[in-house]
PDB file of N, CA and C in Angstrom:
ATOM      1  N   MET A   1       0.850  -1.167   0.000  1.00  0.00           N
ATOM      2  CA  MET A   1       0.000   0.000   0.000  1.00  0.00           C
ATOM      3  C   MET A   1       0.905   1.243   0.000  1.00  0.00           C
ATOM      4  N   ASN A   2       0.621   2.178  -0.901  1.00  0.00           N
ATOM      5  CA  ASN A   2       1.475   3.358  -0.976  1.00  0.00           C
ATOM      6  C   ASN A   2       1.014   4.450  -0.010  1.00  0.00           C
ATOM      7  N   ASN A   3       1.790   5.522   0.069  1.00  0.00           N
ATOM      8  CA  ASN A   3       1.503   6.606   1.012  1.00  0.00           C
ATOM      9  C   ASN A   3       0.174   7.281   0.740  1.00  0.00           C
ATOM     10  N   ILE A   4      -0.193   7.441  -0.516  1.00  0.00           N
ATOM     11  CA  ILE A   4      -1.467   8.089  -0.853  1.00  0.00           C
ATOM     12  C   ILE A   4      -2.631   7.255  -0.327  1.00  0.00           C
ATOM     13  N   GLN A   5      -2.587   5.960  -0.540  1.00  0.00           N
ATOM     14  CA  GLN A   5      -3.649   5.082  -0.039  1.00  0.00           C
ATOM     15  C   GLN A   5      -3.711   5.114   1.486  1.00  0.00           C
ATOM     16  N   GLN A   6      -2.568   5.090   2.128  1.00  0.00           N
ATOM     17  CA  GLN A   6      -2.534   5.150   3.588  1.00  0.00           C
ATOM     18  C   GLN A   6      -3.108   6.468   4.090  1.00  0.00           C
ATOM     19  N   ASN A   7      -2.791   7.563   3.415  1.00  0.00           N
ATOM     20  CA  ASN A   7      -3.321   8.863   3.815  1.00  0.00           C
ATOM     21  C   ASN A   7      -4.835   8.929   3.628  1.00  0.00           C
ATOM     22  N   ILE A   8      -5.336   8.356   2.553  1.00  0.00           N
ATOM     23  CA  ILE A   8      -6.784   8.346   2.310  1.00  0.00           C
ATOM     24  C   ILE A   8      -7.488   7.534   3.390  1.00  0.00           C
ATOM     25  N   ILE A   9      -6.950   6.384   3.719  1.00  0.00           N
ATOM     26  CA  ILE A   9      -7.542   5.556   4.772  1.00  0.00           C
ATOM     27  C   ILE A   9      -7.513   6.300   6.103  1.00  0.00           C
ATOM     28  N   TYR A  10      -6.397   6.944   6.396  1.00  0.00           N
ATOM     29  CA  TYR A  10      -6.275   7.713   7.632  1.00  0.00           C
ATOM     30  C   TYR A  10      -7.312   8.841   7.671  1.00  0.00           C
ATOM     31  N   LEU A  11      -7.457   9.583   6.583  1.00  0.00           N
ATOM     32  CA  LEU A  11      -8.425  10.679   6.537  1.00  0.00           C
ATOM     33  C   LEU A  11      -9.857  10.160   6.660  1.00  0.00           C
ATOM     34  N   ASN A  12     -10.158   9.037   6.033  1.00  0.00           N
ATOM     35  CA  ASN A  12     -11.491   8.437   6.170  1.00  0.00           C
ATOM     36  C   ASN A  12     -11.790   8.110   7.630  1.00  0.00           C
ATOM     37  N   GLU A  13     -10.824   7.550   8.317  1.00  0.00           N
ATOM     38  CA  GLU A  13     -11.022   7.206   9.720  1.00  0.00           C
ATOM     39  C   GLU A  13     -11.244   8.464  10.566  1.00  0.00           C
ATOM     40  N   LYS A  14     -10.559   9.539  10.239  1.00  0.00           N
ATOM     41  CA  LYS A  14     -10.745  10.794  10.973  1.00  0.00           C
ATOM     42  C   LYS A  14     -12.138  11.372  10.716  1.00  0.00           C
ATOM     43  N   ILE A  15     -12.616  11.270   9.491  1.00  0.00           N
ATOM     44  CA  ILE A  15     -13.974  11.732   9.187  1.00  0.00           C
ATOM     45  C   ILE A  15     -14.985  10.948  10.009  1.00  0.00           C
ATOM     46  N   ILE A  16     -14.801   9.653  10.068  1.00  0.00           N
ATOM     47  CA  ILE A  16     -15.729   8.789  10.806  1.00  0.00           C
ATOM     48  C   ILE A  16     -15.709   9.136  12.298  1.00  0.00           C
ATOM     49  N   GLU A  17     -14.524   9.394  12.837  1.00  0.00           N
ATOM     50  CA  GLU A  17     -14.400   9.726  14.255  1.00  0.00           C
ATOM     51  C   GLU A  17     -15.039  11.063  14.582  1.00  0.00           C
ATOM     52  N   PHE A  18     -14.928  12.025  13.666  1.00  0.00           N
ATOM     53  CA  PHE A  18     -15.433  13.375  13.905  1.00  0.00           C
ATOM     54  C   PHE A  18     -16.913  13.404  13.568  1.00  0.00           C
ATOM     55  N   ASP A  19     -17.721  13.157  14.579  1.00  0.00           N
ATOM     56  CA  ASP A  19     -19.158  13.030  14.340  1.00  0.00           C
ATOM     57  C   ASP A  19     -19.937  14.267  14.754  1.00  0.00           C
ATOM     58  N   ASN A  20     -19.264  15.357  15.024  1.00  0.00           N
ATOM     59  CA  ASN A  20     -19.946  16.591  15.384  1.00  0.00           C
ATOM     60  C   ASN A  20     -20.159  17.500  14.181  1.00  0.00           C
ATOM     61  N   SER A  21     -20.062  16.947  12.996  1.00  0.00           N
ATOM     62  CA  SER A  21     -20.220  17.756  11.796  1.00  0.00           C
ATOM     63  C   SER A  21     -21.668  18.197  11.646  1.00  0.00           C
ATOM     64  N   PRO A  22     -21.886  19.333  10.954  1.00  0.00           N
ATOM     65  CA  PRO A  22     -23.266  19.757  10.700  1.00  0.00           C
ATOM     66  C   PRO A  22     -23.952  18.772   9.757  1.00  0.00           C
ATOM     67  N   VAL A  23     -25.221  18.984   9.518  1.00  0.00           N
ATOM     68  CA  VAL A  23     -25.991  18.055   8.696  1.00  0.00           C
ATOM     69  C   VAL A  23     -25.765  18.307   7.205  1.00  0.00           C
ATOM     70  N   GLY A  24     -25.310  19.456   6.823  1.00  0.00           N
ATOM     71  CA  GLY A  24     -25.323  19.936   5.453  1.00  0.00           C
ATOM     72  C   GLY A  24     -24.581  19.144   4.399  1.00  0.00           C
ATOM     73  N   LEU A  25     -24.827  19.566   3.172  1.00  0.00           N
ATOM     74  CA  LEU A  25     -24.278  18.916   1.988  1.00  0.00           C
ATOM     75  C   LEU A  25     -22.810  19.259   1.774  1.00  0.00           C
ATOM     76  N   PHE A  26     -22.428  20.511   1.928  1.00  0.00           N
ATOM     77  CA  PHE A  26     -21.093  20.931   1.513  1.00  0.00           C
ATOM     78  C   PHE A  26     -19.976  20.404   2.401  1.00  0.00           C
ATOM     79  N   ASN A  27     -20.134  20.476   3.694  1.00  0.00           N
ATOM     80  CA  ASN A  27     -19.083  19.964   4.577  1.00  0.00           C
ATOM     81  C   ASN A  27     -19.685  19.375   5.845  1.00  0.00           C
ATOM     82  N   GLY A  28     -20.708  18.568   5.640  1.00  0.00           N
ATOM     83  CA  GLY A  28     -21.371  17.945   6.771  1.00  0.00           C
ATOM     84  C   GLY A  28     -21.772  16.513   6.465  1.00  0.00           C
ATOM     85  N   LYS A  29     -22.724  16.033   7.221  1.00  0.00           N
ATOM     86  CA  LYS A  29     -23.129  14.635   7.148  1.00  0.00           C
ATOM     87  C   LYS A  29     -23.639  14.223   5.771  1.00  0.00           C
ATOM     88  N   MET A  30     -24.378  15.104   5.086  1.00  0.00           N
ATOM     89  CA  MET A  30     -24.895  14.738   3.758  1.00  0.00           C
ATOM     90  C   MET A  30     -23.747  14.571   2.767  1.00  0.00           C
ATOM     91  N   GLY A  31     -22.787  15.457   2.823  1.00  0.00           N
ATOM     92  CA  GLY A  31     -21.614  15.325   1.956  1.00  0.00           C
ATOM     93  C   GLY A  31     -20.818  14.069   2.258  1.00  0.00           C
ATOM     94  N   TYR A  32     -20.641  13.781   3.549  1.00  0.00           N
ATOM     95  CA  TYR A  32     -19.927  12.560   3.936  1.00  0.00           C
ATOM     96  C   TYR A  32     -20.695  11.313   3.509  1.00  0.00           C
ATOM     97  N   CYS A  33     -21.998  11.374   3.620  1.00  0.00           N
ATOM     98  CA  CYS A  33     -22.839  10.247   3.215  1.00  0.00           C
ATOM     99  C   CYS A  33     -22.617   9.925   1.734  1.00  0.00           C
ATOM    100  N   ILE A  34     -22.676  10.945   0.896  1.00  0.00           N
ATOM    101  CA  ILE A  34     -22.449  10.747  -0.539  1.00  0.00           C
ATOM    102  C   ILE A  34     -21.041  10.223  -0.787  1.00  0.00           C
ATOM    103  N   TYR A  35     -20.071  10.818  -0.120  1.00  0.00           N
ATOM    104  CA  TYR A  35     -18.680  10.405  -0.281  1.00  0.00           C
ATOM    105  C   TYR A  35     -18.498   8.921   0.034  1.00  0.00           C
ATOM    106  N   PHE A  36     -19.040   8.481   1.171  1.00  0.00           N
ATOM    107  CA  PHE A  36     -18.842   7.085   1.557  1.00  0.00           C
ATOM    108  C   PHE A  36     -19.637   6.119   0.682  1.00  0.00           C
ATOM    109  N   TYR A  37     -20.816   6.526   0.181  1.00  0.00           N
ATOM    110  CA  TYR A  37     -21.524   5.671  -0.778  1.00  0.00           C
ATOM    111  C   TYR A  37     -20.695   5.525  -2.055  1.00  0.00           C
ATOM    112  N   GLU A  38     -20.174   6.625  -2.555  1.00  0.00           N
ATOM    113  CA  GLU A  38     -19.351   6.565  -3.774  1.00  0.00           C
ATOM    114  C   GLU A  38     -18.099   5.729  -3.535  1.00  0.00           C
ATOM    115  N   LEU A  39     -17.462   5.913  -2.397  1.00  0.00           N
ATOM    116  CA  LEU A  39     -16.257   5.157  -2.074  1.00  0.00           C
ATOM    117  C   LEU A  39     -16.553   3.666  -1.947  1.00  0.00           C
ATOM    118  N   SER A  40     -17.703   3.344  -1.362  1.00  0.00           N
ATOM    119  CA  SER A  40     -18.064   1.929  -1.218  1.00  0.00           C
ATOM    120  C   SER A  40     -18.229   1.265  -2.575  1.00  0.00           C
ATOM    121  N   ARG A  41     -18.818   1.989  -3.507  1.00  0.00           N
ATOM    122  CA  ARG A  41     -19.009   1.426  -4.847  1.00  0.00           C
ATOM    123  C   ARG A  41     -17.681   1.355  -5.597  1.00  0.00           C
ATOM    124  N   LEU A  42     -16.883   2.387  -5.482  1.00  0.00           N
ATOM    125  CA  LEU A  42     -15.587   2.430  -6.171  1.00  0.00           C
ATOM    126  C   LEU A  42     -14.660   1.310  -5.705  1.00  0.00           C
ATOM    127  N   LEU A  43     -14.635   1.080  -4.387  1.00  0.00           N
ATOM    128  CA  LEU A  43     -13.736   0.074  -3.818  1.00  0.00           C
ATOM    129  C   LEU A  43     -14.416  -1.264  -3.558  1.00  0.00           C
ATOM    130  N   ASN A  44     -15.723  -1.344  -3.852  1.00  0.00           N
ATOM    131  CA  ASN A  44     -16.519  -2.531  -3.559  1.00  0.00           C
ATOM    132  C   ASN A  44     -16.325  -2.930  -2.095  1.00  0.00           C
ATOM    133  N   ASN A  45     -16.563  -1.938  -1.211  1.00  0.00           N
ATOM    134  CA  ASN A  45     -16.284  -2.096   0.207  1.00  0.00           C
ATOM    135  C   ASN A  45     -17.575  -1.904   0.999  1.00  0.00           C
ATOM    136  N   LYS A  46     -18.080  -2.977   1.574  1.00  0.00           N
ATOM    137  CA  LYS A  46     -19.333  -2.939   2.333  1.00  0.00           C
ATOM    138  C   LYS A  46     -19.211  -2.105   3.607  1.00  0.00           C
ATOM    139  N   ARG A  47     -18.019  -2.018   4.181  1.00  0.00           N
ATOM    140  CA  ARG A  47     -17.838  -1.216   5.398  1.00  0.00           C
ATOM    141  C   ARG A  47     -18.167   0.250   5.121  1.00  0.00           C
ATOM    142  N   TYR A  48     -17.689   0.779   3.996  1.00  0.00           N
ATOM    143  CA  TYR A  48     -17.973   2.173   3.671  1.00  0.00           C
ATOM    144  C   TYR A  48     -19.458   2.381   3.352  1.00  0.00           C
ATOM    145  N   GLU A  49     -20.083   1.366   2.774  1.00  0.00           N
ATOM    146  CA  GLU A  49     -21.524   1.453   2.527  1.00  0.00           C
ATOM    147  C   GLU A  49     -22.286   1.544   3.850  1.00  0.00           C
ATOM    148  N   LYS A  50     -21.883   0.755   4.829  1.00  0.00           N
ATOM    149  CA  LYS A  50     -22.525   0.781   6.145  1.00  0.00           C
ATOM    150  C   LYS A  50     -22.320   2.142   6.812  1.00  0.00           C
ATOM    151  N   ILE A  51     -21.132   2.704   6.667  1.00  0.00           N
ATOM    152  CA  ILE A  51     -20.866   4.035   7.232  1.00  0.00           C
ATOM    153  C   ILE A  51     -21.780   5.065   6.574  1.00  0.00           C
ATOM    154  N   ALA A  52     -21.935   4.982   5.257  1.00  0.00           N
ATOM    155  CA  ALA A  52     -22.829   5.902   4.542  1.00  0.00           C
ATOM    156  C   ALA A  52     -24.267   5.740   5.038  1.00  0.00           C
ATOM    157  N   GLU A  53     -24.709   4.517   5.233  1.00  0.00           N
ATOM    158  CA  GLU A  53     -26.061   4.271   5.738  1.00  0.00           C
ATOM    159  C   GLU A  53     -26.240   4.866   7.129  1.00  0.00           C
ATOM    160  N   ASN A  54     -25.215   4.767   7.964  1.00  0.00           N
ATOM    161  CA  ASN A  54     -25.284   5.358   9.306  1.00  0.00           C
ATOM    162  C   ASN A  54     -25.411   6.879   9.234  1.00  0.00           C
ATOM    163  N   TYR A  55     -24.654   7.491   8.327  1.00  0.00           N
ATOM    164  CA  TYR A  55     -24.787   8.939   8.145  1.00  0.00           C
ATOM    165  C   TYR A  55     -26.197   9.293   7.703  1.00  0.00           C
ATOM    166  N   LEU A  56     -26.742   8.522   6.786  1.00  0.00           N
ATOM    167  CA  LEU A  56     -28.091   8.790   6.293  1.00  0.00           C
ATOM    168  C   LEU A  56     -29.119   8.690   7.420  1.00  0.00           C
ATOM    169  N   GLU A  57     -28.991   7.688   8.265  1.00  0.00           N
ATOM    170  CA  GLU A  57     -29.901   7.550   9.409  1.00  0.00           C
ATOM    171  C   GLU A  57     -29.811   8.761  10.336  1.00  0.00           C
ATOM    172  N   LYS A  58     -28.595   9.222  10.601  1.00  0.00           N
ATOM    173  CA  LYS A  58     -28.422  10.397  11.460  1.00  0.00           C
ATOM    174  C   LYS A  58     -29.062  11.628  10.842  1.00  0.00           C
ATOM    175  N   ILE A  59     -28.889  11.796   9.539  1.00  0.00           N
ATOM    176  CA  ILE A  59     -29.472  12.944   8.839  1.00  0.00           C
ATOM    177  C   ILE A  59     -30.985  12.932   8.987  1.00  0.00           C
ATOM    178  N   LEU A  60     -31.585  11.785   8.748  1.00  0.00           N
ATOM    179  CA  LEU A  60     -33.043  11.690   8.795  1.00  0.00           C
ATOM    180  C   LEU A  60     -33.574  11.976  10.202  1.00  0.00           C
ATOM    181  N   LYS A  61     -32.826  11.607  11.221  1.00  0.00           N
ATOM    182  CA  LYS A  61     -33.252  11.877  12.593  1.00  0.00           C
ATOM    183  C   LYS A  61     -33.147  13.358  12.945  1.00  0.00           C
ATOM    184  N   LEU A  62     -32.253  14.076  12.282  1.00  0.00           N
ATOM    185  CA  LEU A  62     -32.014  15.481  12.610  1.00  0.00           C
ATOM    186  C   LEU A  62     -32.872  16.460  11.813  1.00  0.00           C
ATOM    187  N   LEU A  63     -33.612  15.971  10.844  1.00  0.00           N
ATOM    188  CA  LEU A  63     -34.415  16.868  10.005  1.00  0.00           C
ATOM    189  C   LEU A  63     -35.511  17.550  10.811  1.00  0.00           C
ATOM    190  N   ASN A  64     -35.652  18.854  10.594  1.00  0.00           N
ATOM    191  CA  ASN A  64     -36.766  19.598  11.173  1.00  0.00           C
ATOM    192  C   ASN A  64     -36.921  20.918  10.430  1.00  0.00           C
ATOM    193  N   PHE A  65     -38.064  21.561  10.581  1.00  0.00           N
ATOM    194  CA  PHE A  65     -38.323  22.769   9.820  1.00  0.00           C
ATOM    195  C   PHE A  65     -37.652  23.999  10.427  1.00  0.00           C
ATOM    196  N   ARG A  66     -36.928  23.839  11.500  1.00  0.00           N
ATOM    197  CA  ARG A  66     -36.178  24.959  12.069  1.00  0.00           C
ATOM    198  C   ARG A  66     -34.779  25.065  11.472  1.00  0.00           C
ATOM    199  N   MET A  67     -34.416  24.102  10.651  1.00  0.00           N
ATOM    200  CA  MET A  67     -33.108  24.116   9.996  1.00  0.00           C
ATOM    201  C   MET A  67     -33.061  25.220   8.956  1.00  0.00           C
ATOM    202  N   PRO A  68     -31.861  25.675   8.612  1.00  0.00           N
ATOM    203  CA  PRO A  68     -31.760  26.598   7.480  1.00  0.00           C
ATOM    204  C   PRO A  68     -32.238  25.901   6.203  1.00  0.00           C
ATOM    205  N   VAL A  69     -32.590  26.664   5.208  1.00  0.00           N
ATOM    206  CA  VAL A  69     -33.089  26.055   3.970  1.00  0.00           C
ATOM    207  C   VAL A  69     -32.059  26.079   2.857  1.00  0.00           C
ATOM    208  N   ASP A  70     -30.925  26.668   3.053  1.00  0.00           N
ATOM    209  CA  ASP A  70     -29.945  26.826   1.981  1.00  0.00           C
ATOM    210  C   ASP A  70     -29.345  25.488   1.546  1.00  0.00           C
ATOM    211  N   VAL A  71     -28.626  25.536   0.446  1.00  0.00           N
ATOM    212  CA  VAL A  71     -28.012  24.333  -0.124  1.00  0.00           C
ATOM    213  C   VAL A  71     -26.802  23.902   0.692  1.00  0.00           C
ATOM    214  N   GLU A  72     -26.041  24.848   1.158  1.00  0.00           N
ATOM    215  CA  GLU A  72     -24.783  24.531   1.835  1.00  0.00           C
ATOM    216  C   GLU A  72     -24.986  23.817   3.169  1.00  0.00           C
ATOM    217  N   TYR A  73     -25.908  24.311   3.983  1.00  0.00           N
ATOM    218  CA  TYR A  73     -26.070  23.784   5.334  1.00  0.00           C
ATOM    219  C   TYR A  73     -27.440  23.185   5.621  1.00  0.00           C
ATOM    220  N   GLY A  74     -28.421  23.417   4.762  1.00  0.00           N
ATOM    221  CA  GLY A  74     -29.780  23.132   5.161  1.00  0.00           C
ATOM    222  C   GLY A  74     -30.556  22.149   4.325  1.00  0.00           C
ATOM    223  N   LEU A  75     -31.855  22.345   4.363  1.00  0.00           N
ATOM    224  CA  LEU A  75     -32.812  21.407   3.779  1.00  0.00           C
ATOM    225  C   LEU A  75     -32.649  21.224   2.278  1.00  0.00           C
ATOM    226  N   MET A  76     -32.375  22.299   1.561  1.00  0.00           N
ATOM    227  CA  MET A  76     -32.239  22.161   0.109  1.00  0.00           C
ATOM    228  C   MET A  76     -31.044  21.279  -0.258  1.00  0.00           C
ATOM    229  N   GLY A  77     -29.949  21.436   0.443  1.00  0.00           N
ATOM    230  CA  GLY A  77     -28.781  20.593   0.199  1.00  0.00           C
ATOM    231  C   GLY A  77     -29.047  19.131   0.512  1.00  0.00           C
ATOM    232  N   ILE A  78     -29.792  18.900   1.569  1.00  0.00           N
ATOM    233  CA  ILE A  78     -30.131  17.515   1.915  1.00  0.00           C
ATOM    234  C   ILE A  78     -31.050  16.926   0.855  1.00  0.00           C
ATOM    235  N   ALA A  79     -32.013  17.715   0.381  1.00  0.00           N
ATOM    236  CA  ALA A  79     -32.907  17.230  -0.677  1.00  0.00           C
ATOM    237  C   ALA A  79     -32.121  16.924  -1.950  1.00  0.00           C
ATOM    238  N   ILE A  80     -31.190  17.786  -2.307  1.00  0.00           N
ATOM    239  CA  ILE A  80     -30.360  17.544  -3.489  1.00  0.00           C
ATOM    240  C   ILE A  80     -29.531  16.277  -3.293  1.00  0.00           C
ATOM    241  N   GLY A  81     -28.976  16.107  -2.103  1.00  0.00           N
ATOM    242  CA  GLY A  81     -28.194  14.906  -1.807  1.00  0.00           C
ATOM    243  C   GLY A  81     -29.027  13.645  -1.889  1.00  0.00           C
ATOM    244  N   MET A  82     -30.230  13.703  -1.354  1.00  0.00           N
ATOM    245  CA  MET A  82     -31.120  12.531  -1.412  1.00  0.00           C
ATOM    246  C   MET A  82     -31.489  12.206  -2.857  1.00  0.00           C
ATOM    247  N   HIS A  83     -31.752  13.244  -3.639  1.00  0.00           N
ATOM    248  CA  HIS A  83     -32.069  13.026  -5.055  1.00  0.00           C
ATOM    249  C   HIS A  83     -30.878  12.372  -5.771  1.00  0.00           C
ATOM    250  N   TYR A  84     -29.674  12.852  -5.477  1.00  0.00           N
ATOM    251  CA  TYR A  84     -28.460  12.292  -6.062  1.00  0.00           C
ATOM    252  C   TYR A  84     -28.317  10.812  -5.695  1.00  0.00           C
ATOM    253  N   LEU A  85     -28.478  10.506  -4.405  1.00  0.00           N
ATOM    254  CA  LEU A  85     -28.346   9.116  -3.955  1.00  0.00           C
ATOM    255  C   LEU A  85     -29.374   8.213  -4.624  1.00  0.00           C
ATOM    256  N   SER A  86     -30.566   8.732  -4.818  1.00  0.00           N
ATOM    257  CA  SER A  86     -31.623   7.960  -5.468  1.00  0.00           C
ATOM    258  C   SER A  86     -31.297   7.717  -6.941  1.00  0.00           C
ATOM    259  N   ARG A  87     -30.879   8.755  -7.632  1.00  0.00           N
ATOM    260  CA  ARG A  87     -30.572   8.618  -9.063  1.00  0.00           C
ATOM    261  C   ARG A  87     -29.388   7.694  -9.313  1.00  0.00           C
ATOM    262  N   LYS A  88     -28.433   7.693  -8.394  1.00  0.00           N
ATOM    263  CA  LYS A  88     -27.270   6.812  -8.526  1.00  0.00           C
ATOM    264  C   LYS A  88     -27.534   5.410  -7.985  1.00  0.00           C
ATOM    265  N   LYS A  89     -28.778   5.168  -7.531  1.00  0.00           N
ATOM    266  CA  LYS A  89     -29.201   3.854  -7.031  1.00  0.00           C
ATOM    267  C   LYS A  89     -28.471   3.418  -5.761  1.00  0.00           C
ATOM    268  N   PHE A  90     -28.053   4.396  -4.944  1.00  0.00           N
ATOM    269  CA  PHE A  90     -27.493   4.059  -3.637  1.00  0.00           C
ATOM    270  C   PHE A  90     -28.608   3.769  -2.648  1.00  0.00           C
ATOM    271  N   ILE A  91     -29.721   4.449  -2.817  1.00  0.00           N
ATOM    272  CA  ILE A  91     -30.880   4.222  -1.957  1.00  0.00           C
ATOM    273  C   ILE A  91     -32.061   3.898  -2.852  1.00  0.00           C
ATOM    274  N   ASP A  92     -33.004   3.173  -2.297  1.00  0.00           N
ATOM    275  CA  ASP A  92     -34.209   2.873  -3.052  1.00  0.00           C
ATOM    276  C   ASP A  92     -35.411   3.167  -2.177  1.00  0.00           C
ATOM    277  N   GLY A  93     -36.531   2.908  -2.702  1.00  0.00           N
ATOM    278  CA  GLY A  93     -37.748   3.242  -1.987  1.00  0.00           C
ATOM    279  C   GLY A  93     -38.451   4.372  -2.704  1.00  0.00           C
ATOM    280  N   ASN A  94     -39.476   4.873  -2.085  1.00  0.00           N
ATOM    281  CA  ASN A  94     -40.270   5.925  -2.699  1.00  0.00           C
ATOM    282  C   ASN A  94     -39.657   7.285  -2.375  1.00  0.00           C
ATOM    283  N   THR A  95     -38.726   7.739  -3.222  1.00  0.00           N
ATOM    284  CA  THR A  95     -38.093   9.033  -2.974  1.00  0.00           C
ATOM    285  C   THR A  95     -39.057  10.183  -3.237  1.00  0.00           C
ATOM    286  N   ASN A  96     -40.079   9.957  -4.056  1.00  0.00           N
ATOM    287  CA  ASN A  96     -41.081  11.006  -4.246  1.00  0.00           C
ATOM    288  C   ASN A  96     -41.774  11.314  -2.926  1.00  0.00           C
ATOM    289  N   LYS A  97     -42.079  10.277  -2.150  1.00  0.00           N
ATOM    290  CA  LYS A  97     -42.704  10.480  -0.845  1.00  0.00           C
ATOM    291  C   LYS A  97     -41.758  11.241   0.071  1.00  0.00           C
ATOM    292  N   PHE A  98     -40.498  10.852   0.049  1.00  0.00           N
ATOM    293  CA  PHE A  98     -39.514  11.534   0.879  1.00  0.00           C
ATOM    294  C   PHE A  98     -39.399  13.005   0.490  1.00  0.00           C
ATOM    295  N   LEU A  99     -39.323  13.287  -0.806  1.00  0.00           N
ATOM    296  CA  LEU A  99     -39.197  14.674  -1.248  1.00  0.00           C
ATOM    297  C   LEU A  99     -40.473  15.464  -0.971  1.00  0.00           C
ATOM    298  N   GLU A 100     -41.620  14.784  -0.941  1.00  0.00           N
ATOM    299  CA  GLU A 100     -42.853  15.454  -0.518  1.00  0.00           C
ATOM    300  C   GLU A 100     -42.719  15.913   0.931  1.00  0.00           C
ATOM    301  N   ASP A 101     -42.094  15.090   1.759  1.00  0.00           N
ATOM    302  CA  ASP A 101     -41.866  15.486   3.151  1.00  0.00           C
ATOM    303  C   ASP A 101     -40.980  16.735   3.220  1.00  0.00           C
ATOM    304  N   PHE A 102     -39.996  16.827   2.343  1.00  0.00           N
ATOM    305  CA  PHE A 102     -39.175  18.028   2.283  1.00  0.00           C
ATOM    306  C   PHE A 102     -40.007  19.234   1.880  1.00  0.00           C
ATOM    307  N   ASP A 103     -40.884  19.049   0.903  1.00  0.00           N
ATOM    308  CA  ASP A 103     -41.766  20.142   0.493  1.00  0.00           C
ATOM    309  C   ASP A 103     -42.576  20.648   1.675  1.00  0.00           C
ATOM    310  N   ILE A 104     -43.072  19.726   2.487  1.00  0.00           N
ATOM    311  CA  ILE A 104     -43.862  20.108   3.661  1.00  0.00           C
ATOM    312  C   ILE A 104     -42.992  20.895   4.644  1.00  0.00           C
ATOM    313  N   LEU A 105     -41.762  20.406   4.891  1.00  0.00           N
ATOM    314  CA  LEU A 105     -40.862  21.128   5.791  1.00  0.00           C
ATOM    315  C   LEU A 105     -40.557  22.525   5.269  1.00  0.00           C
ATOM    316  N   LEU A 106     -40.300  22.636   3.961  1.00  0.00           N
ATOM    317  CA  LEU A 106     -40.005  23.947   3.384  1.00  0.00           C
ATOM    318  C   LEU A 106     -41.210  24.866   3.449  1.00  0.00           C
ATOM    319  N   PHE A 107     -42.384  24.330   3.187  1.00  0.00           N
ATOM    320  CA  PHE A 107     -43.600  25.132   3.279  1.00  0.00           C
ATOM    321  C   PHE A 107     -43.779  25.658   4.705  1.00  0.00           C
ATOM    322  N   LYS A 108     -43.587  24.792   5.696  1.00  0.00           N
ATOM    323  CA  LYS A 108     -43.698  25.227   7.085  1.00  0.00           C
ATOM    324  C   LYS A 108     -42.667  26.296   7.404  1.00  0.00           C
ATOM    325  N   PHE A 109     -41.443  26.088   6.923  1.00  0.00           N
ATOM    326  CA  PHE A 109     -40.392  27.054   7.193  1.00  0.00           C
ATOM    327  C   PHE A 109     -40.777  28.426   6.662  1.00  0.00           C
ATOM    328  N   PHE A 110     -41.173  28.471   5.399  1.00  0.00           N
ATOM    329  CA  PHE A 110     -41.503  29.760   4.799  1.00  0.00           C
ATOM    330  C   PHE A 110     -42.800  30.332   5.361  1.00  0.00           C
ATOM    331  N   SER A 111     -43.712  29.512   5.768  1.00  0.00           N
ATOM    332  CA  SER A 111     -44.952  29.988   6.382  1.00  0.00           C
ATOM    333  C   SER A 111     -44.666  30.692   7.702  1.00  0.00           C
ATOM    334  N   PHE A 112     -43.729  30.163   8.480  1.00  0.00           N
ATOM    335  CA  PHE A 112     -43.415  30.754   9.776  1.00  0.00           C
ATOM    336  C   PHE A 112     -42.460  31.941   9.671  1.00  0.00           C
ATOM    337  N   GLN A 113     -41.994  32.229   8.476  1.00  0.00           N
ATOM    338  CA  GLN A 113     -41.121  33.382   8.288  1.00  0.00           C
ATOM    339  C   GLN A 113     -41.916  34.657   8.028  1.00  0.00           C
ATOM    340  N   ASN A 114     -43.234  34.551   7.948  1.00  0.00           N
ATOM    341  CA  ASN A 114     -44.104  35.702   7.705  1.00  0.00           C
ATOM    342  C   ASN A 114     -43.732  36.450   6.429  1.00  0.00           C
ATOM    343  N   ASN A 115     -43.322  35.680   5.427  1.00  0.00           N
ATOM    344  CA  ASN A 115     -42.967  36.226   4.122  1.00  0.00           C
ATOM    345  C   ASN A 115     -41.850  37.261   4.182  1.00  0.00           C
ATOM    346  N   ARG A 116     -40.996  37.164   5.169  1.00  0.00           N
ATOM    347  CA  ARG A 116     -39.857  38.068   5.269  1.00  0.00           C
ATOM    348  C   ARG A 116     -38.608  37.351   4.805  1.00  0.00           C
ATOM    349  N   TYR A 117     -37.711  38.082   4.217  1.00  0.00           N
ATOM    350  CA  TYR A 117     -36.422  37.549   3.821  1.00  0.00           C
ATOM    351  C   TYR A 117     -35.591  37.318   5.077  1.00  0.00           C
ATOM    352  N   ASN A 118     -35.018  36.152   5.185  1.00  0.00           N
ATOM    353  CA  ASN A 118     -34.223  35.807   6.350  1.00  0.00           C
ATOM    354  C   ASN A 118     -32.772  35.603   5.901  1.00  0.00           C
ATOM    355  N   PRO A 119     -31.913  36.600   6.093  1.00  0.00           N
ATOM    356  CA  PRO A 119     -30.526  36.481   5.610  1.00  0.00           C
ATOM    357  C   PRO A 119     -29.753  35.367   6.279  1.00  0.00           C
ATOM    358  N   ALA A 120     -30.166  34.922   7.442  1.00  0.00           N
ATOM    359  CA  ALA A 120     -29.454  33.830   8.112  1.00  0.00           C
ATOM    360  C   ALA A 120     -29.629  32.519   7.361  1.00  0.00           C
ATOM    361  N   CYS A 121     -30.657  32.432   6.523  1.00  0.00           N
ATOM    362  CA  CYS A 121     -30.919  31.194   5.805  1.00  0.00           C
ATOM    363  C   CYS A 121     -30.512  31.261   4.357  1.00  0.00           C
ATOM    364  N   ALA A 122     -29.950  32.359   3.929  1.00  0.00           N
ATOM    365  CA  ALA A 122     -29.542  32.503   2.531  1.00  0.00           C
ATOM    366  C   ALA A 122     -28.029  32.419   2.440  1.00  0.00           C
ATOM    367  N   THR A 123     -27.567  31.967   1.316  1.00  0.00           N
ATOM    368  CA  THR A 123     -26.122  31.968   1.098  1.00  0.00           C
ATOM    369  C   THR A 123     -25.786  33.090   0.151  1.00  0.00           C
ATOM    370  N   THR A 124     -24.674  33.727   0.379  1.00  0.00           N
ATOM    371  CA  THR A 124     -24.259  34.847  -0.464  1.00  0.00           C
ATOM    372  C   THR A 124     -22.987  34.534  -1.217  1.00  0.00           C
ATOM    373  N   LYS A 125     -22.517  33.309  -1.123  1.00  0.00           N
ATOM    374  CA  LYS A 125     -21.258  32.933  -1.784  1.00  0.00           C
ATOM    375  C   LYS A 125     -21.479  32.654  -3.232  1.00  0.00           C
TER     376      LYS A 125
END
């Protein structure tokens, strides 16, 4: 095993150990979930698939309409990630039903905002 492979394995283990990451797509649990599903398929490694499934379970438990709605940290990023996982056949089931649940969460979020722009939930990058 060369140094690059050893470094990748080491970094993967550090990601797994660091479980205080946010839920988001860009640098949180949703991003890690996608990464480990892709890695499991690339390396044909069931351990990484199980890690991805664990991340997905944690994400689903943390969902609520008080979360930000942006792509980077919030509900939209999680919805995009779920759609990606479904299209790549990492997950199965009725994703339309799941995305309907996201629609409900987003509707509740915007309903409770009293039609005001909330800069804390928008990304400016």
